[in-house]
């Protein structure tokens, strides 16, 4: 029951952040970017995939870039900082989730701690953990400053809400 509750809280926070993103993006409106330059950079970074890949994914990349810039502004305005302890907590949670996928739910804390430490030594993991930690802190901060209309829903209604995106 606790793991289900933790998962639902995580999903709820994710949905909250998606809703905030949608609201803020509408408020900000279209951001203008130097498209030709960005397409050249994107092509340079994806030489193995070619121009078709750039054309097909450019709009999505621009949308992500816009959200990234907006999010940076919100993070700076609210003085949100990610500490080492936040990264460790996110890494531990990721490791816990990995163990849970294999049906191992009662992994001792010291084992999670060791795995998390190892994960944080891999450069390719750190960026996604930082991103996740920022999202968690941002969610916590935004929940304090926006007016929430909280309501209780059944699991079925919750799953329906999650699949609307």
C-alpha atoms as a PDB file:
ATOM      1  CA  UNK A   1       0.000   0.000   0.000  1.00  0.00           C
ATOM      2  CA  UNK A   2       2.840   2.389   0.845  1.00  0.00           C
ATOM      3  CA  UNK A   3       4.588   1.793  -2.477  1.00  0.00           C
ATOM      4  CA  UNK A   4       1.306   2.361  -4.348  1.00  0.00           C
ATOM      5  CA  UNK A   5       0.738   5.563  -2.397  1.00  0.00           C
ATOM      6  CA  UNK A   6       4.284   6.765  -3.145  1.00  0.00           C
ATOM      7  CA  UNK A   7       3.801   5.968  -6.839  1.00  0.00           C
ATOM      8  CA  UNK A   8       0.476   7.830  -6.951  1.00  0.00           C
ATOM      9  CA  UNK A   9       1.964  10.877  -5.207  1.00  0.00           C
ATOM     10  CA  UNK A  10       4.776  10.857  -7.787  1.00  0.00           C
ATOM     11  CA  UNK A  11       2.281  10.563 -10.635  1.00  0.00           C
ATOM     12  CA  UNK A  12       0.131  13.297  -9.109  1.00  0.00           C
ATOM     13  CA  UNK A  13       3.136  15.638  -8.879  1.00  0.00           C
ATOM     14  CA  UNK A  14       4.055  14.804 -12.486  1.00  0.00           C
ATOM     15  CA  UNK A  15       0.501  15.643 -13.632  1.00  0.00           C
ATOM     16  CA  UNK A  16       0.604  18.849 -11.583  1.00  0.00           C
ATOM     17  CA  UNK A  17       3.825  19.920 -13.300  1.00  0.00           C
ATOM     18  CA  UNK A  18       2.364  19.086 -16.739  1.00  0.00           C
ATOM     19  CA  UNK A  19      -0.682  21.216 -15.954  1.00  0.00           C
ATOM     20  CA  UNK A  20       1.505  24.088 -14.714  1.00  0.00           C
ATOM     21  CA  UNK A  21       3.619  23.811 -17.854  1.00  0.00           C
ATOM     22  CA  UNK A  22       0.544  23.960 -20.108  1.00  0.00           C
ATOM     23  CA  UNK A  23      -0.829  26.979 -18.222  1.00  0.00           C
ATOM     24  CA  UNK A  24       2.486  28.882 -18.206  1.00  0.00           C
ATOM     25  CA  UNK A  25       3.229  28.148 -21.869  1.00  0.00           C
ATOM     26  CA  UNK A  26      -0.187  29.579 -22.823  1.00  0.00           C
ATOM     27  CA  UNK A  27       0.468  32.659 -20.669  1.00  0.00           C
ATOM     28  CA  UNK A  28       3.939  33.238 -22.157  1.00  0.00           C
ATOM     29  CA  UNK A  29       2.806  32.620 -25.737  1.00  0.00           C
ATOM     30  CA  UNK A  30       5.099  31.788 -28.626  1.00  0.00           C
ATOM     31  CA  UNK A  31       8.766  32.435 -28.035  1.00  0.00           C
ATOM     32  CA  UNK A  32      10.806  33.458 -31.057  1.00  0.00           C
ATOM     33  CA  UNK A  33      14.029  31.572 -31.767  1.00  0.00           C
ATOM     34  CA  UNK A  34      16.615  31.863 -34.567  1.00  0.00           C
ATOM     35  CA  UNK A  35      15.308  28.731 -36.299  1.00  0.00           C
ATOM     36  CA  UNK A  36      17.898  28.487 -39.066  1.00  0.00           C
ATOM     37  CA  UNK A  37      20.733  28.635 -36.537  1.00  0.00           C
ATOM     38  CA  UNK A  38      19.078  26.135 -34.199  1.00  0.00           C
ATOM     39  CA  UNK A  39      18.433  23.727 -37.084  1.00  0.00           C
ATOM     40  CA  UNK A  40      22.116  23.923 -38.032  1.00  0.00           C
ATOM     41  CA  UNK A  41      23.153  23.213 -34.432  1.00  0.00           C
ATOM     42  CA  UNK A  42      20.658  20.361 -34.173  1.00  0.00           C
ATOM     43  CA  UNK A  43      21.944  18.879 -37.429  1.00  0.00           C
ATOM     44  CA  UNK A  44      25.526  19.225 -36.180  1.00  0.00           C
ATOM     45  CA  UNK A  45      24.600  17.374 -32.981  1.00  0.00           C
ATOM     46  CA  UNK A  46      22.751  14.643 -34.897  1.00  0.00           C
ATOM     47  CA  UNK A  47      24.942  14.127 -37.966  1.00  0.00           C
ATOM     48  CA  UNK A  48      24.313  10.390 -37.888  1.00  0.00           C
ATOM     49  CA  UNK A  49      20.541  10.965 -38.161  1.00  0.00           C
ATOM     50  CA  UNK A  50      20.451  13.577 -40.928  1.00  0.00           C
ATOM     51  CA  UNK A  51      18.246  16.477 -42.005  1.00  0.00           C
ATOM     52  CA  UNK A  52      14.990  14.461 -42.019  1.00  0.00           C
ATOM     53  CA  UNK A  53      15.451  13.748 -38.313  1.00  0.00           C
ATOM     54  CA  UNK A  54      15.989  17.453 -37.623  1.00  0.00           C
ATOM     55  CA  UNK A  55      12.869  18.450 -39.580  1.00  0.00           C
ATOM     56  CA  UNK A  56      10.731  15.805 -37.890  1.00  0.00           C
ATOM     57  CA  UNK A  57      11.906  16.646 -34.353  1.00  0.00           C
ATOM     58  CA  UNK A  58      12.560  20.375 -34.585  1.00  0.00           C
ATOM     59  CA  UNK A  59       9.152  21.553 -33.388  1.00  0.00           C
ATOM     60  CA  UNK A  60       9.281  19.270 -30.335  1.00  0.00           C
ATOM     61  CA  UNK A  61      12.819  20.410 -29.555  1.00  0.00           C
ATOM     62  CA  UNK A  62      11.792  24.068 -29.748  1.00  0.00           C
ATOM     63  CA  UNK A  63       8.874  23.374 -27.406  1.00  0.00           C
ATOM     64  CA  UNK A  64      11.255  21.718 -24.912  1.00  0.00           C
ATOM     65  CA  UNK A  65      13.733  24.591 -25.217  1.00  0.00           C
ATOM     66  CA  UNK A  66      10.959  27.105 -24.502  1.00  0.00           C
ATOM     67  CA  UNK A  67       9.824  25.187 -21.423  1.00  0.00           C
ATOM     68  CA  UNK A  68      13.429  24.839 -20.250  1.00  0.00           C
ATOM     69  CA  UNK A  69      13.907  28.626 -20.445  1.00  0.00           C
ATOM     70  CA  UNK A  70      10.604  29.306 -18.659  1.00  0.00           C
ATOM     71  CA  UNK A  71      11.449  26.767 -15.976  1.00  0.00           C
ATOM     72  CA  UNK A  72      14.884  28.352 -15.454  1.00  0.00           C
ATOM     73  CA  UNK A  73      13.180  31.714 -14.880  1.00  0.00           C
ATOM     74  CA  UNK A  74      10.784  30.209 -12.293  1.00  0.00           C
ATOM     75  CA  UNK A  75      13.649  28.382 -10.561  1.00  0.00           C
ATOM     76  CA  UNK A  76      15.758  31.582 -10.416  1.00  0.00           C
ATOM     77  CA  UNK A  77      12.833  33.754  -9.288  1.00  0.00           C
ATOM     78  CA  UNK A  78      12.082  31.354  -6.429  1.00  0.00           C
ATOM     79  CA  UNK A  79      15.748  30.824  -5.538  1.00  0.00           C
ATOM     80  CA  UNK A  80      15.423  27.050  -5.953  1.00  0.00           C
ATOM     81  CA  UNK A  81      18.723  25.261  -5.425  1.00  0.00           C
ATOM     82  CA  UNK A  82      19.552  21.581  -5.832  1.00  0.00           C
ATOM     83  CA  UNK A  83      21.930  20.306  -3.156  1.00  0.00           C
ATOM     84  CA  UNK A  84      23.932  17.073  -3.082  1.00  0.00           C
ATOM     85  CA  UNK A  85      21.393  15.639  -0.630  1.00  0.00           C
ATOM     86  CA  UNK A  86      18.597  16.267  -3.172  1.00  0.00           C
ATOM     87  CA  UNK A  87      20.541  14.427  -5.863  1.00  0.00           C
ATOM     88  CA  UNK A  88      21.225  11.521  -3.516  1.00  0.00           C
ATOM     89  CA  UNK A  89      17.519  11.320  -2.612  1.00  0.00           C
ATOM     90  CA  UNK A  90      16.496  11.269  -6.297  1.00  0.00           C
ATOM     91  CA  UNK A  91      19.125   8.641  -7.109  1.00  0.00           C
ATOM     92  CA  UNK A  92      17.970   6.485  -4.164  1.00  0.00           C
ATOM     93  CA  UNK A  93      14.377   6.744  -5.330  1.00  0.00           C
ATOM     94  CA  UNK A  94      15.384   5.742  -8.872  1.00  0.00           C
ATOM     95  CA  UNK A  95      17.330   2.756  -7.516  1.00  0.00           C
ATOM     96  CA  UNK A  96      14.391   1.796  -5.271  1.00  0.00           C
ATOM     97  CA  UNK A  97      12.082   1.883  -8.322  1.00  0.00           C
ATOM     98  CA  UNK A  98      14.508  -0.300 -10.299  1.00  0.00           C
ATOM     99  CA  UNK A  99      14.575  -2.904  -7.533  1.00  0.00           C
ATOM    100  CA  UNK A 100      10.772  -2.760  -7.307  1.00  0.00           C
ATOM    101  CA  UNK A 101      10.527  -3.602 -11.037  1.00  0.00           C
ATOM    102  CA  UNK A 102      12.221  -6.884 -10.198  1.00  0.00           C
ATOM    103  CA  UNK A 103       9.826  -7.540  -7.332  1.00  0.00           C
ATOM    104  CA  UNK A 104      12.329  -6.537  -4.665  1.00  0.00           C
ATOM    105  CA  UNK A 105      10.552  -4.020  -2.450  1.00  0.00           C
ATOM    106  CA  UNK A 106      12.271  -4.366   0.934  1.00  0.00           C
ATOM    107  CA  UNK A 107      15.818  -3.483  -0.071  1.00  0.00           C
ATOM    108  CA  UNK A 108      17.857  -2.303   2.949  1.00  0.00           C
ATOM    109  CA  UNK A 109      18.650   1.404   3.055  1.00  0.00           C
ATOM    110  CA  UNK A 110      22.430   0.883   3.031  1.00  0.00           C
ATOM    111  CA  UNK A 111      22.147  -1.142  -0.199  1.00  0.00           C
ATOM    112  CA  UNK A 112      20.061   1.634  -1.809  1.00  0.00           C
ATOM    113  CA  UNK A 113      22.608   4.166  -0.562  1.00  0.00           C
ATOM    114  CA  UNK A 114      25.518   2.260  -2.143  1.00  0.00           C
ATOM    115  CA  UNK A 115      23.738   1.797  -5.483  1.00  0.00           C
ATOM    116  CA  UNK A 116      22.726   5.476  -5.523  1.00  0.00           C
ATOM    117  CA  UNK A 117      26.339   6.523  -4.889  1.00  0.00           C
ATOM    118  CA  UNK A 118      27.468   4.354  -7.806  1.00  0.00           C
ATOM    119  CA  UNK A 119      24.756   5.803 -10.082  1.00  0.00           C
ATOM    120  CA  UNK A 120      25.885   9.323  -9.259  1.00  0.00           C
ATOM    121  CA  UNK A 121      29.439   8.499 -10.384  1.00  0.00           C
ATOM    122  CA  UNK A 122      28.157   7.983 -13.943  1.00  0.00           C
ATOM    123  CA  UNK A 123      28.077  11.303 -15.768  1.00  0.00           C
ATOM    124  CA  UNK A 124      25.221  10.181 -18.051  1.00  0.00           C
ATOM    125  CA  UNK A 125      22.959   9.683 -15.003  1.00  0.00           C
ATOM    126  CA  UNK A 126      23.701  12.934 -13.219  1.00  0.00           C
ATOM    127  CA  UNK A 127      21.939  15.258 -15.688  1.00  0.00           C
ATOM    128  CA  UNK A 128      18.661  13.344 -15.484  1.00  0.00           C
ATOM    129  CA  UNK A 129      18.904  13.228 -11.667  1.00  0.00           C
ATOM    130  CA  UNK A 130      19.520  16.977 -11.554  1.00  0.00           C
ATOM    131  CA  UNK A 131      16.514  17.522 -13.825  1.00  0.00           C
ATOM    132  CA  UNK A 132      14.346  15.301 -11.619  1.00  0.00           C
ATOM    133  CA  UNK A 133      15.552  17.053  -8.438  1.00  0.00           C
ATOM    134  CA  UNK A 134      14.765  20.467  -9.973  1.00  0.00           C
ATOM    135  CA  UNK A 135      11.286  19.242 -10.947  1.00  0.00           C
ATOM    136  CA  UNK A 136      10.643  17.957  -7.422  1.00  0.00           C
ATOM    137  CA  UNK A 137      11.779  21.198  -5.779  1.00  0.00           C
ATOM    138  CA  UNK A 138       9.882  23.245  -8.359  1.00  0.00           C
ATOM    139  CA  UNK A 139       6.727  21.215  -7.690  1.00  0.00           C
ATOM    140  CA  UNK A 140       7.079  21.750  -3.941  1.00  0.00           C
ATOM    141  CA  UNK A 141       7.593  25.482  -4.374  1.00  0.00           C
ATOM    142  CA  UNK A 142       4.765  25.935  -6.883  1.00  0.00           C
ATOM    143  CA  UNK A 143       2.313  24.033  -4.682  1.00  0.00           C
ATOM    144  CA  UNK A 144       2.902  26.699  -2.034  1.00  0.00           C
ATOM    145  CA  UNK A 145       2.342  29.647  -4.388  1.00  0.00           C
ATOM    146  CA  UNK A 146      -0.523  28.504  -6.629  1.00  0.00           C
ATOM    147  CA  UNK A 147      -4.087  27.957  -5.509  1.00  0.00           C
ATOM    148  CA  UNK A 148      -4.760  24.233  -5.584  1.00  0.00           C
ATOM    149  CA  UNK A 149      -8.220  22.803  -6.086  1.00  0.00           C
ATOM    150  CA  UNK A 150      -7.623  19.465  -4.419  1.00  0.00           C
ATOM    151  CA  UNK A 151     -10.122  16.674  -4.860  1.00  0.00           C
ATOM    152  CA  UNK A 152     -10.277  13.017  -3.963  1.00  0.00           C
ATOM    153  CA  UNK A 153     -10.626  10.634  -6.887  1.00  0.00           C
ATOM    154  CA  UNK A 154     -10.805   6.889  -7.341  1.00  0.00           C
ATOM    155  CA  UNK A 155      -7.819   5.030  -8.766  1.00  0.00           C
ATOM    156  CA  UNK A 156      -9.742   4.609 -12.031  1.00  0.00           C
ATOM    157  CA  UNK A 157     -10.473   8.363 -12.247  1.00  0.00           C
ATOM    158  CA  UNK A 158      -6.832   9.105 -11.418  1.00  0.00           C
ATOM    159  CA  UNK A 159      -5.585   6.795 -14.168  1.00  0.00           C
ATOM    160  CA  UNK A 160      -7.993   8.476 -16.606  1.00  0.00           C
ATOM    161  CA  UNK A 161      -6.584  11.907 -15.650  1.00  0.00           C
ATOM    162  CA  UNK A 162      -3.031  10.620 -16.180  1.00  0.00           C
ATOM    163  CA  UNK A 163      -3.834   9.287 -19.655  1.00  0.00           C
ATOM    164  CA  UNK A 164      -5.294  12.584 -20.890  1.00  0.00           C
ATOM    165  CA  UNK A 165      -1.871  13.963 -21.881  1.00  0.00           C
END
